[in-house]
Each structure stands twice: as C-alpha cells, then as structure tokens.
C-alpha cells in the first residue's frame, strides 16, 4: 500500500481565515462583529479566571496594555471581584460548591423536556 507524502504547510491568508470563520459563524446563526480575533477576548478572560496575572495574560498573545485592557479584558479588578464574591485571591483555582450538586431527574425533565431523546 502506498502512503501519501506529508503535505507541506502553507501559510493561510488573512482573507481565507476570515472567510472560513464567517461561514462557520453564519452556518450556526452566530452574529459577531469580530472574525479573526473572535477568541482573543475569551482566552484572555479564561486565563484570568485561573488567576494568571496581567503580565502573563499579555504575554500569552503578545498584547500591549492598551490592546489587552481596551479590547479583551473588562475594567473590573479581578482580585477585588474574587474577594468580594468570597473566593480566595491566592492560588490558581477556586471551588464552586454548587457544581457538586446533582439536581433530581424530575427537575431536569421539567427544565429540559427532550433530555432523554
């Protein structure tokens, strides 16, 4: 059996990248004014959720302060918000007690009638 030689990596043009993301978004009915940078904000916020500091988040995508703070992060001080919500401001992770709760099946069926289908 013959095997195909490995494909050479080719640079993806900006317009091809944007067009592919636009098609994926429209096919799922998702509207967004961002295309090629659609995941930048969520990745910055998720990184912040695991207690990365601002310098680590900025280094993740080589952003400057203006870009990162203006476009990708909220202006809320994360450590203060965590502290006010009752979570520790040290360490990497925190625990949400409600995630350990398993609602009764009868409640799930009322909320999501097609859950068993």
C-alpha atoms as a PDB file:
ATOM      1  CA  UNK A   1       0.000   0.000   0.000  1.00  0.00           C
ATOM      2  CA  UNK A   2       1.391   3.380  -0.966  1.00  0.00           C
ATOM      3  CA  UNK A   3       1.326   6.200   1.520  1.00  0.00           C
ATOM      4  CA  UNK A   4       0.912   9.808   0.554  1.00  0.00           C
ATOM      5  CA  UNK A   5       3.830  12.110   1.223  1.00  0.00           C
ATOM      6  CA  UNK A   6       3.166  14.644   4.004  1.00  0.00           C
ATOM      7  CA  UNK A   7       1.615  17.884   2.847  1.00  0.00           C
ATOM      8  CA  UNK A   8       3.728  20.956   3.012  1.00  0.00           C
ATOM      9  CA  UNK A   9       2.500  23.558   5.493  1.00  0.00           C
ATOM     10  CA  UNK A  10       1.212  26.623   3.738  1.00  0.00           C
ATOM     11  CA  UNK A  11       0.516  29.996   5.206  1.00  0.00           C
ATOM     12  CA  UNK A  12      -3.193  30.723   5.493  1.00  0.00           C
ATOM     13  CA  UNK A  13      -4.078  34.099   4.083  1.00  0.00           C
ATOM     14  CA  UNK A  14      -5.932  36.589   6.247  1.00  0.00           C
ATOM     15  CA  UNK A  15      -8.863  36.710   3.816  1.00  0.00           C
ATOM     16  CA  UNK A  16      -9.182  32.887   3.719  1.00  0.00           C
ATOM     17  CA  UNK A  17      -9.066  32.744   7.504  1.00  0.00           C
ATOM     18  CA  UNK A  18     -11.711  35.477   7.833  1.00  0.00           C
ATOM     19  CA  UNK A  19     -13.953  33.878   5.195  1.00  0.00           C
ATOM     20  CA  UNK A  20     -13.815  30.442   6.851  1.00  0.00           C
ATOM     21  CA  UNK A  21     -14.699  31.857  10.253  1.00  0.00           C
ATOM     22  CA  UNK A  22     -17.509  33.947   8.734  1.00  0.00           C
ATOM     23  CA  UNK A  23     -19.008  30.839   7.115  1.00  0.00           C
ATOM     24  CA  UNK A  24     -18.784  28.861  10.363  1.00  0.00           C
ATOM     25  CA  UNK A  25     -20.443  31.654  12.327  1.00  0.00           C
ATOM     26  CA  UNK A  26     -23.233  32.213   9.822  1.00  0.00           C
ATOM     27  CA  UNK A  27     -23.963  28.495   9.493  1.00  0.00           C
ATOM     28  CA  UNK A  28     -24.538  28.306  13.241  1.00  0.00           C
ATOM     29  CA  UNK A  29     -26.591  31.513  13.305  1.00  0.00           C
ATOM     30  CA  UNK A  30     -23.963  33.321  15.370  1.00  0.00           C
ATOM     31  CA  UNK A  31     -23.547  37.037  14.821  1.00  0.00           C
ATOM     32  CA  UNK A  32     -20.279  38.721  15.668  1.00  0.00           C
ATOM     33  CA  UNK A  33     -18.517  41.843  14.506  1.00  0.00           C
ATOM     34  CA  UNK A  34     -15.228  40.037  15.194  1.00  0.00           C
ATOM     35  CA  UNK A  35     -13.998  37.322  12.906  1.00  0.00           C
ATOM     36  CA  UNK A  36     -10.293  36.547  13.051  1.00  0.00           C
ATOM     37  CA  UNK A  37      -9.944  37.744  16.649  1.00  0.00           C
ATOM     38  CA  UNK A  38     -13.173  36.209  17.928  1.00  0.00           C
ATOM     39  CA  UNK A  39     -11.447  34.027  20.548  1.00  0.00           C
ATOM     40  CA  UNK A  40      -8.987  36.605  21.855  1.00  0.00           C
ATOM     41  CA  UNK A  41     -11.297  38.105  24.462  1.00  0.00           C
ATOM     42  CA  UNK A  42     -12.495  34.779  25.822  1.00  0.00           C
ATOM     43  CA  UNK A  43      -8.967  33.389  26.024  1.00  0.00           C
ATOM     44  CA  UNK A  44      -7.821  36.471  27.961  1.00  0.00           C
ATOM     45  CA  UNK A  45     -10.762  36.201  30.375  1.00  0.00           C
ATOM     46  CA  UNK A  46     -10.370  32.419  30.827  1.00  0.00           C
ATOM     47  CA  UNK A  47      -6.678  32.865  31.538  1.00  0.00           C
ATOM     48  CA  UNK A  48      -7.622  35.454  34.143  1.00  0.00           C
ATOM     49  CA  UNK A  49     -10.094  33.021  35.698  1.00  0.00           C
ATOM     50  CA  UNK A  50      -7.266  30.661  36.613  1.00  0.00           C
ATOM     51  CA  UNK A  51      -5.544  33.516  38.437  1.00  0.00           C
ATOM     52  CA  UNK A  52      -2.975  34.418  35.806  1.00  0.00           C
ATOM     53  CA  UNK A  53      -1.712  37.922  36.363  1.00  0.00           C
ATOM     54  CA  UNK A  54      -1.971  40.681  33.773  1.00  0.00           C
ATOM     55  CA  UNK A  55       1.633  40.250  32.616  1.00  0.00           C
ATOM     56  CA  UNK A  56       1.057  36.547  31.947  1.00  0.00           C
ATOM     57  CA  UNK A  57      -2.153  37.263  30.030  1.00  0.00           C
ATOM     58  CA  UNK A  58      -0.443  39.963  27.962  1.00  0.00           C
ATOM     59  CA  UNK A  59       2.455  37.615  27.185  1.00  0.00           C
ATOM     60  CA  UNK A  60       0.011  34.918  26.006  1.00  0.00           C
ATOM     61  CA  UNK A  61      -0.740  36.782  22.798  1.00  0.00           C
ATOM     62  CA  UNK A  62       1.953  39.472  22.843  1.00  0.00           C
ATOM     63  CA  UNK A  63      -0.542  42.264  23.540  1.00  0.00           C
ATOM     64  CA  UNK A  64       0.318  45.702  24.809  1.00  0.00           C
ATOM     65  CA  UNK A  65      -1.603  47.154  27.775  1.00  0.00           C
ATOM     66  CA  UNK A  66      -3.852  49.342  25.641  1.00  0.00           C
ATOM     67  CA  UNK A  67      -4.955  46.493  23.375  1.00  0.00           C
ATOM     68  CA  UNK A  68      -5.456  43.991  26.148  1.00  0.00           C
ATOM     69  CA  UNK A  69      -7.320  46.277  28.555  1.00  0.00           C
ATOM     70  CA  UNK A  70      -9.339  48.083  25.900  1.00  0.00           C
ATOM     71  CA  UNK A  71     -10.412  45.167  23.763  1.00  0.00           C
ATOM     72  CA  UNK A  72     -10.098  41.904  25.645  1.00  0.00           C
ATOM     73  CA  UNK A  73     -10.474  42.354  29.393  1.00  0.00           C
ATOM     74  CA  UNK A  74     -13.128  44.042  31.457  1.00  0.00           C
ATOM     75  CA  UNK A  75     -12.101  47.039  33.506  1.00  0.00           C
ATOM     76  CA  UNK A  76     -13.039  45.253  36.724  1.00  0.00           C
ATOM     77  CA  UNK A  77     -10.163  44.396  39.081  1.00  0.00           C
ATOM     78  CA  UNK A  78     -10.255  40.587  39.099  1.00  0.00           C
ATOM     79  CA  UNK A  79      -8.713  40.057  42.543  1.00  0.00           C
ATOM     80  CA  UNK A  80     -11.161  42.502  44.148  1.00  0.00           C
ATOM     81  CA  UNK A  81     -14.146  40.865  42.422  1.00  0.00           C
ATOM     82  CA  UNK A  82     -12.994  37.385  43.521  1.00  0.00           C
ATOM     83  CA  UNK A  83     -12.504  38.594  47.079  1.00  0.00           C
ATOM     84  CA  UNK A  84     -15.938  40.244  47.202  1.00  0.00           C
ATOM     85  CA  UNK A  85     -17.518  37.027  45.900  1.00  0.00           C
ATOM     86  CA  UNK A  86     -15.933  35.100  48.773  1.00  0.00           C
ATOM     87  CA  UNK A  87     -13.196  33.354  46.809  1.00  0.00           C
ATOM     88  CA  UNK A  88      -9.533  33.378  47.808  1.00  0.00           C
ATOM     89  CA  UNK A  89      -7.301  35.756  45.860  1.00  0.00           C
ATOM     90  CA  UNK A  90      -4.293  33.457  46.128  1.00  0.00           C
ATOM     91  CA  UNK A  91      -3.620  30.174  44.392  1.00  0.00           C
ATOM     92  CA  UNK A  92      -4.649  29.092  40.943  1.00  0.00           C
ATOM     93  CA  UNK A  93      -8.127  27.609  41.326  1.00  0.00           C
ATOM     94  CA  UNK A  94     -11.246  28.018  43.389  1.00  0.00           C
ATOM     95  CA  UNK A  95     -14.111  25.679  44.149  1.00  0.00           C
ATOM     96  CA  UNK A  96     -17.789  26.301  43.457  1.00  0.00           C
ATOM     97  CA  UNK A  97     -19.858  24.181  45.834  1.00  0.00           C
ATOM     98  CA  UNK A  98     -22.892  24.321  43.526  1.00  0.00           C
ATOM     99  CA  UNK A  99     -21.022  22.340  40.882  1.00  0.00           C
ATOM    100  CA  UNK A 100     -21.176  19.290  43.167  1.00  0.00           C
ATOM    101  CA  UNK A 101     -24.981  19.361  43.270  1.00  0.00           C
ATOM    102  CA  UNK A 102     -26.904  16.950  41.095  1.00  0.00           C
ATOM    103  CA  UNK A 103     -30.499  18.074  40.582  1.00  0.00           C
ATOM    104  CA  UNK A 104     -33.179  15.376  40.632  1.00  0.00           C
ATOM    105  CA  UNK A 105     -34.105  13.856  37.287  1.00  0.00           C
ATOM    106  CA  UNK A 106     -37.689  15.114  37.670  1.00  0.00           C
ATOM    107  CA  UNK A 107     -36.433  18.713  37.760  1.00  0.00           C
ATOM    108  CA  UNK A 108     -34.126  18.150  34.782  1.00  0.00           C
ATOM    109  CA  UNK A 109     -37.041  16.767  32.757  1.00  0.00           C
ATOM    110  CA  UNK A 110     -39.131  19.842  33.561  1.00  0.00           C
ATOM    111  CA  UNK A 111     -36.328  22.201  32.530  1.00  0.00           C
ATOM    112  CA  UNK A 112     -35.193  20.165  29.521  1.00  0.00           C
ATOM    113  CA  UNK A 113     -38.134  18.050  28.304  1.00  0.00           C
ATOM    114  CA  UNK A 114     -36.149  16.482  25.454  1.00  0.00           C
ATOM    115  CA  UNK A 115     -33.252  15.437  27.706  1.00  0.00           C
ATOM    116  CA  UNK A 116     -33.812  11.693  27.260  1.00  0.00           C
ATOM    117  CA  UNK A 117     -34.269  11.800  23.492  1.00  0.00           C
END
